Amino acid sequence: MRHKEIQAEPKPDLPLETSELSQYLIRIEDKEVVGPFGCLLPPRPLHEMFADAWAVRSLS
């Protein structure tokens, strides 16, 4: 019996606010998301990104 190969469907990226794009090193070009990775990945450890975002928000 031969097994059928399963093709994974690409998953959509989670929505981001425009202000968050630079944190992920992402930009929009011709309605396309362009970044350093093939998918949306944080470029730094999440706890560091969270601490920075919290510090900025606390100053507001």
PDB file of N, CA and C in Angstrom:
ATOM      1  N   MET A   1       0.835  -1.174   0.000  1.00  0.00           N
ATOM      2  CA  MET A   1       0.000   0.000   0.000  1.00  0.00           C
ATOM      3  C   MET A   1       0.886   1.246   0.000  1.00  0.00           C
ATOM      4  N   ARG A   2       0.593   2.146  -0.875  1.00  0.00           N
ATOM      5  CA  ARG A   2       1.391   3.352  -1.011  1.00  0.00           C
ATOM      6  C   ARG A   2       0.725   4.511  -0.259  1.00  0.00           C
ATOM      7  N   HIS A   3       1.532   5.269   0.491  1.00  0.00           N
ATOM      8  CA  HIS A   3       0.990   6.396   1.252  1.00  0.00           C
ATOM      9  C   HIS A   3       0.918   7.633   0.371  1.00  0.00           C
ATOM     10  N   LYS A   4      -0.131   8.366   0.559  1.00  0.00           N
ATOM     11  CA  LYS A   4      -0.339   9.602  -0.175  1.00  0.00           C
ATOM     12  C   LYS A   4       0.472  10.721   0.492  1.00  0.00           C
ATOM     13  N   GLU A   5       1.195  11.491  -0.286  1.00  0.00           N
ATOM     14  CA  GLU A   5       1.975  12.591   0.257  1.00  0.00           C
ATOM     15  C   GLU A   5       1.040  13.749   0.599  1.00  0.00           C
ATOM     16  N   ILE A   6       1.204  14.289   1.777  1.00  0.00           N
ATOM     17  CA  ILE A   6       0.357  15.388   2.230  1.00  0.00           C
ATOM     18  C   ILE A   6       1.115  16.696   2.045  1.00  0.00           C
ATOM     19  N   GLN A   7       0.483  17.641   1.374  1.00  0.00           N
ATOM     20  CA  GLN A   7       1.062  18.961   1.174  1.00  0.00           C
ATOM     21  C   GLN A   7       0.511  19.899   2.248  1.00  0.00           C
ATOM     22  N   ALA A   8       1.394  20.562   2.959  1.00  0.00           N
ATOM     23  CA  ALA A   8       0.968  21.507   3.982  1.00  0.00           C
ATOM     24  C   ALA A   8       0.528  22.810   3.320  1.00  0.00           C
ATOM     25  N   GLU A   9      -0.600  23.317   3.759  1.00  0.00           N
ATOM     26  CA  GLU A   9      -1.089  24.603   3.269  1.00  0.00           C
ATOM     27  C   GLU A   9      -0.345  25.709   4.008  1.00  0.00           C
ATOM     28  N   PRO A  10       0.058  26.761   3.317  1.00  0.00           N
ATOM     29  CA  PRO A  10       0.712  27.860   4.034  1.00  0.00           C
ATOM     30  C   PRO A  10      -0.286  28.539   4.970  1.00  0.00           C
ATOM     31  N   LYS A  11       0.169  28.845   6.156  1.00  0.00           N
ATOM     32  CA  LYS A  11      -0.692  29.493   7.130  1.00  0.00           C
ATOM     33  C   LYS A  11      -0.540  31.006   7.003  1.00  0.00           C
ATOM     34  N   PRO A  12      -1.627  31.741   7.147  1.00  0.00           N
ATOM     35  CA  PRO A  12      -1.518  33.208   7.061  1.00  0.00           C
ATOM     36  C   PRO A  12      -0.801  33.763   8.284  1.00  0.00           C
ATOM     37  N   ASP A  13      -0.132  34.882   8.098  1.00  0.00           N
ATOM     38  CA  ASP A  13       0.513  35.552   9.225  1.00  0.00           C
ATOM     39  C   ASP A  13      -0.551  36.183  10.102  1.00  0.00           C
ATOM     40  N   LEU A  14      -0.251  36.297  11.374  1.00  0.00           N
ATOM     41  CA  LEU A  14      -1.162  36.961  12.294  1.00  0.00           C
ATOM     42  C   LEU A  14      -1.186  38.456  11.979  1.00  0.00           C
ATOM     43  N   PRO A  15      -2.323  39.105  12.245  1.00  0.00           N
ATOM     44  CA  PRO A  15      -2.383  40.543  11.951  1.00  0.00           C
ATOM     45  C   PRO A  15      -1.447  41.337  12.862  1.00  0.00           C
ATOM     46  N   LEU A  16      -0.857  42.366  12.304  1.00  0.00           N
ATOM     47  CA  LEU A  16       0.016  43.265  13.055  1.00  0.00           C
ATOM     48  C   LEU A  16      -0.436  44.695  12.834  1.00  0.00           C
ATOM     49  N   GLU A  17      -0.248  45.520  13.830  1.00  0.00           N
ATOM     50  CA  GLU A  17      -0.492  46.945  13.658  1.00  0.00           C
ATOM     51  C   GLU A  17       0.701  47.536  12.915  1.00  0.00           C
ATOM     52  N   THR A  18       0.455  48.591  12.179  1.00  0.00           N
ATOM     53  CA  THR A  18       1.516  49.234  11.405  1.00  0.00           C
ATOM     54  C   THR A  18       2.692  49.626  12.290  1.00  0.00           C
ATOM     55  N   SER A  19       2.408  50.055  13.506  1.00  0.00           N
ATOM     56  CA  SER A  19       3.479  50.469  14.417  1.00  0.00           C
ATOM     57  C   SER A  19       4.378  49.310  14.834  1.00  0.00           C
ATOM     58  N   GLU A  20       3.918  48.064  14.694  1.00  0.00           N
ATOM     59  CA  GLU A  20       4.706  46.895  15.092  1.00  0.00           C
ATOM     60  C   GLU A  20       5.619  46.375  13.979  1.00  0.00           C
ATOM     61  N   LEU A  21       5.427  46.824  12.768  1.00  0.00           N
ATOM     62  CA  LEU A  21       6.185  46.287  11.639  1.00  0.00           C
ATOM     63  C   LEU A  21       7.692  46.454  11.817  1.00  0.00           C
ATOM     64  N   SER A  22       8.125  47.615  12.266  1.00  0.00           N
ATOM     65  CA  SER A  22       9.570  47.847  12.394  1.00  0.00           C
ATOM     66  C   SER A  22      10.205  46.943  13.448  1.00  0.00           C
ATOM     67  N   GLN A  23       9.439  46.567  14.479  1.00  0.00           N
ATOM     68  CA  GLN A  23       9.976  45.672  15.509  1.00  0.00           C
ATOM     69  C   GLN A  23      10.323  44.306  14.921  1.00  0.00           C
ATOM     70  N   TYR A  24       9.606  43.919  13.888  1.00  0.00           N
ATOM     71  CA  TYR A  24       9.838  42.616  13.248  1.00  0.00           C
ATOM     72  C   TYR A  24      10.696  42.735  11.988  1.00  0.00           C
ATOM     73  N   LEU A  25      11.277  43.923  11.781  1.00  0.00           N
ATOM     74  CA  LEU A  25      12.137  44.197  10.617  1.00  0.00           C
ATOM     75  C   LEU A  25      11.378  43.969   9.307  1.00  0.00           C
ATOM     76  N   ILE A  26      10.121  44.360   9.295  1.00  0.00           N
ATOM     77  CA  ILE A  26       9.247  44.125   8.146  1.00  0.00           C
ATOM     78  C   ILE A  26       8.848  45.458   7.531  1.00  0.00           C
ATOM     79  N   ARG A  27       8.663  45.444   6.225  1.00  0.00           N
ATOM     80  CA  ARG A  27       8.142  46.608   5.517  1.00  0.00           C
ATOM     81  C   ARG A  27       7.131  46.132   4.473  1.00  0.00           C
ATOM     82  N   ILE A  28       6.318  47.035   4.002  1.00  0.00           N
ATOM     83  CA  ILE A  28       5.311  46.730   2.994  1.00  0.00           C
ATOM     84  C   ILE A  28       5.776  47.314   1.662  1.00  0.00           C
ATOM     85  N   GLU A  29       5.851  46.480   0.634  1.00  0.00           N
ATOM     86  CA  GLU A  29       6.204  46.918  -0.717  1.00  0.00           C
ATOM     87  C   GLU A  29       5.170  46.367  -1.685  1.00  0.00           C
ATOM     88  N   ASP A  30       4.496  47.256  -2.381  1.00  0.00           N
ATOM     89  CA  ASP A  30       3.475  46.852  -3.352  1.00  0.00           C
ATOM     90  C   ASP A  30       2.483  45.861  -2.752  1.00  0.00           C
ATOM     91  N   LYS A  31       1.985  46.191  -1.562  1.00  0.00           N
ATOM     92  CA  LYS A  31       1.002  45.376  -0.836  1.00  0.00           C
ATOM     93  C   LYS A  31       1.520  43.990  -0.448  1.00  0.00           C
ATOM     94  N   GLU A  32       2.831  43.810  -0.461  1.00  0.00           N
ATOM     95  CA  GLU A  32       3.450  42.554  -0.046  1.00  0.00           C
ATOM     96  C   GLU A  32       4.292  42.804   1.202  1.00  0.00           C
ATOM     97  N   VAL A  33       4.284  41.839   2.114  1.00  0.00           N
ATOM     98  CA  VAL A  33       5.099  41.924   3.322  1.00  0.00           C
ATOM     99  C   VAL A  33       6.502  41.426   2.990  1.00  0.00           C
ATOM    100  N   VAL A  34       7.508  42.254   3.280  1.00  0.00           N
ATOM    101  CA  VAL A  34       8.896  41.906   2.984  1.00  0.00           C
ATOM    102  C   VAL A  34       9.683  41.954   4.285  1.00  0.00           C
ATOM    103  N   GLY A  35      10.418  40.889   4.573  1.00  0.00           N
ATOM    104  CA  GLY A  35      11.216  40.831   5.784  1.00  0.00           C
ATOM    105  C   GLY A  35      12.397  39.897   5.618  1.00  0.00           C
ATOM    106  N   PRO A  36      13.199  39.765   6.669  1.00  0.00           N
ATOM    107  CA  PRO A  36      14.417  38.968   6.578  1.00  0.00           C
ATOM    108  C   PRO A  36      14.186  37.452   6.573  1.00  0.00           C
ATOM    109  N   PHE A  37      13.004  36.999   6.972  1.00  0.00           N
ATOM    110  CA  PHE A  37      12.729  35.570   7.058  1.00  0.00           C
ATOM    111  C   PHE A  37      11.626  35.194   6.062  1.00  0.00           C
ATOM    112  N   GLY A  38      11.457  33.943   5.804  1.00  0.00           N
ATOM    113  CA  GLY A  38      10.412  33.480   4.896  1.00  0.00           C
ATOM    114  C   GLY A  38       9.021  33.558   5.493  1.00  0.00           C
ATOM    115  N   CYS A  39       8.952  33.802   6.795  1.00  0.00           N
ATOM    116  CA  CYS A  39       7.663  33.948   7.476  1.00  0.00           C
ATOM    117  C   CYS A  39       7.849  34.965   8.596  1.00  0.00           C
ATOM    118  N   LEU A  40       6.788  35.297   9.261  1.00  0.00           N
ATOM    119  CA  LEU A  40       6.848  36.292  10.323  1.00  0.00           C
ATOM    120  C   LEU A  40       7.437  35.676  11.590  1.00  0.00           C
ATOM    121  N   LEU A  41       8.674  36.072  11.890  1.00  0.00           N
ATOM    122  CA  LEU A  41       9.361  35.589  13.090  1.00  0.00           C
ATOM    123  C   LEU A  41       9.928  36.782  13.849  1.00  0.00           C
ATOM    124  N   PRO A  42       9.933  36.701  15.173  1.00  0.00           N
ATOM    125  CA  PRO A  42      10.539  37.801  15.930  1.00  0.00           C
ATOM    126  C   PRO A  42      12.063  37.770  15.766  1.00  0.00           C
ATOM    127  N   PRO A  43      12.684  38.916  15.491  1.00  0.00           N
ATOM    128  CA  PRO A  43      14.137  38.952  15.291  1.00  0.00           C
ATOM    129  C   PRO A  43      14.934  38.927  16.593  1.00  0.00           C
ATOM    130  N   ARG A  44      14.254  39.113  17.724  1.00  0.00           N
ATOM    131  CA  ARG A  44      14.898  39.087  19.039  1.00  0.00           C
ATOM    132  C   ARG A  44      14.054  38.227  19.965  1.00  0.00           C
ATOM    133  N   PRO A  45      14.581  37.828  21.100  1.00  0.00           N
ATOM    134  CA  PRO A  45      13.773  37.066  22.054  1.00  0.00           C
ATOM    135  C   PRO A  45      12.517  37.853  22.447  1.00  0.00           C
ATOM    136  N   LEU A  46      11.395  37.159  22.537  1.00  0.00           N
ATOM    137  CA  LEU A  46      10.122  37.817  22.809  1.00  0.00           C
ATOM    138  C   LEU A  46      10.106  38.590  24.119  1.00  0.00           C
ATOM    139  N   HIS A  47      10.787  38.083  25.143  1.00  0.00           N
ATOM    140  CA  HIS A  47      10.766  38.798  26.416  1.00  0.00           C
ATOM    141  C   HIS A  47      11.451  40.162  26.298  1.00  0.00           C
ATOM    142  N   GLU A  48      12.457  40.276  25.441  1.00  0.00           N
ATOM    143  CA  GLU A  48      13.112  41.572  25.228  1.00  0.00           C
ATOM    144  C   GLU A  48      12.187  42.510  24.458  1.00  0.00           C
ATOM    145  N   MET A  49      11.524  41.984  23.436  1.00  0.00           N
ATOM    146  CA  MET A  49      10.606  42.813  22.654  1.00  0.00           C
ATOM    147  C   MET A  49       9.446  43.296  23.526  1.00  0.00           C
ATOM    148  N   PHE A  50       8.931  42.421  24.381  1.00  0.00           N
ATOM    149  CA  PHE A  50       7.837  42.790  25.271  1.00  0.00           C
ATOM    150  C   PHE A  50       8.282  43.871  26.247  1.00  0.00           C
ATOM    151  N   ALA A  51       9.465  43.718  26.834  1.00  0.00           N
ATOM    152  CA  ALA A  51       9.977  44.702  27.800  1.00  0.00           C
ATOM    153  C   ALA A  51      10.135  46.072  27.143  1.00  0.00           C
ATOM    154  N   ASP A  52      10.657  46.110  25.920  1.00  0.00           N
ATOM    155  CA  ASP A  52      10.817  47.378  25.207  1.00  0.00           C
ATOM    156  C   ASP A  52       9.464  48.020  24.913  1.00  0.00           C
ATOM    157  N   ALA A  53       8.509  47.206  24.454  1.00  0.00           N
ATOM    158  CA  ALA A  53       7.174  47.731  24.144  1.00  0.00           C
ATOM    159  C   ALA A  53       6.494  48.243  25.413  1.00  0.00           C
ATOM    160  N   TRP A  54       6.666  47.552  26.511  1.00  0.00           N
ATOM    161  CA  TRP A  54       6.041  47.952  27.769  1.00  0.00           C
ATOM    162  C   TRP A  54       6.658  49.270  28.264  1.00  0.00           C
ATOM    163  N   ALA A  55       7.979  49.413  28.097  1.00  0.00           N
ATOM    164  CA  ALA A  55       8.650  50.641  28.532  1.00  0.00           C
ATOM    165  C   ALA A  55       8.144  51.840  27.734  1.00  0.00           C
ATOM    166  N   VAL A  56       7.986  51.678  26.438  1.00  0.00           N
ATOM    167  CA  VAL A  56       7.479  52.768  25.594  1.00  0.00           C
ATOM    168  C   VAL A  56       6.054  53.113  25.982  1.00  0.00           C
ATOM    169  N   ARG A  57       5.236  52.089  26.212  1.00  0.00           N
ATOM    170  CA  ARG A  57       3.830  52.316  26.572  1.00  0.00           C
ATOM    171  C   ARG A  57       3.723  52.978  27.944  1.00  0.00           C
ATOM    172  N   SER A  58       4.603  52.628  28.866  1.00  0.00           N
ATOM    173  CA  SER A  58       4.559  53.195  30.217  1.00  0.00           C
ATOM    174  C   SER A  58       4.898  54.683  30.211  1.00  0.00           C
ATOM    175  N   LEU A  59       5.701  55.117  29.244  1.00  0.00           N
ATOM    176  CA  LEU A  59       6.081  56.525  29.144  1.00  0.00           C
ATOM    177  C   LEU A  59       4.951  57.384  28.600  1.00  0.00           C
ATOM    178  N   SER A  60       4.010  56.770  27.903  1.00  0.00           N
ATOM    179  CA  SER A  60       2.906  57.530  27.279  1.00  0.00           C
ATOM    180  C   SER A  60       1.901  58.003  28.286  1.00  0.00           C
TER     181      SER A  60
END
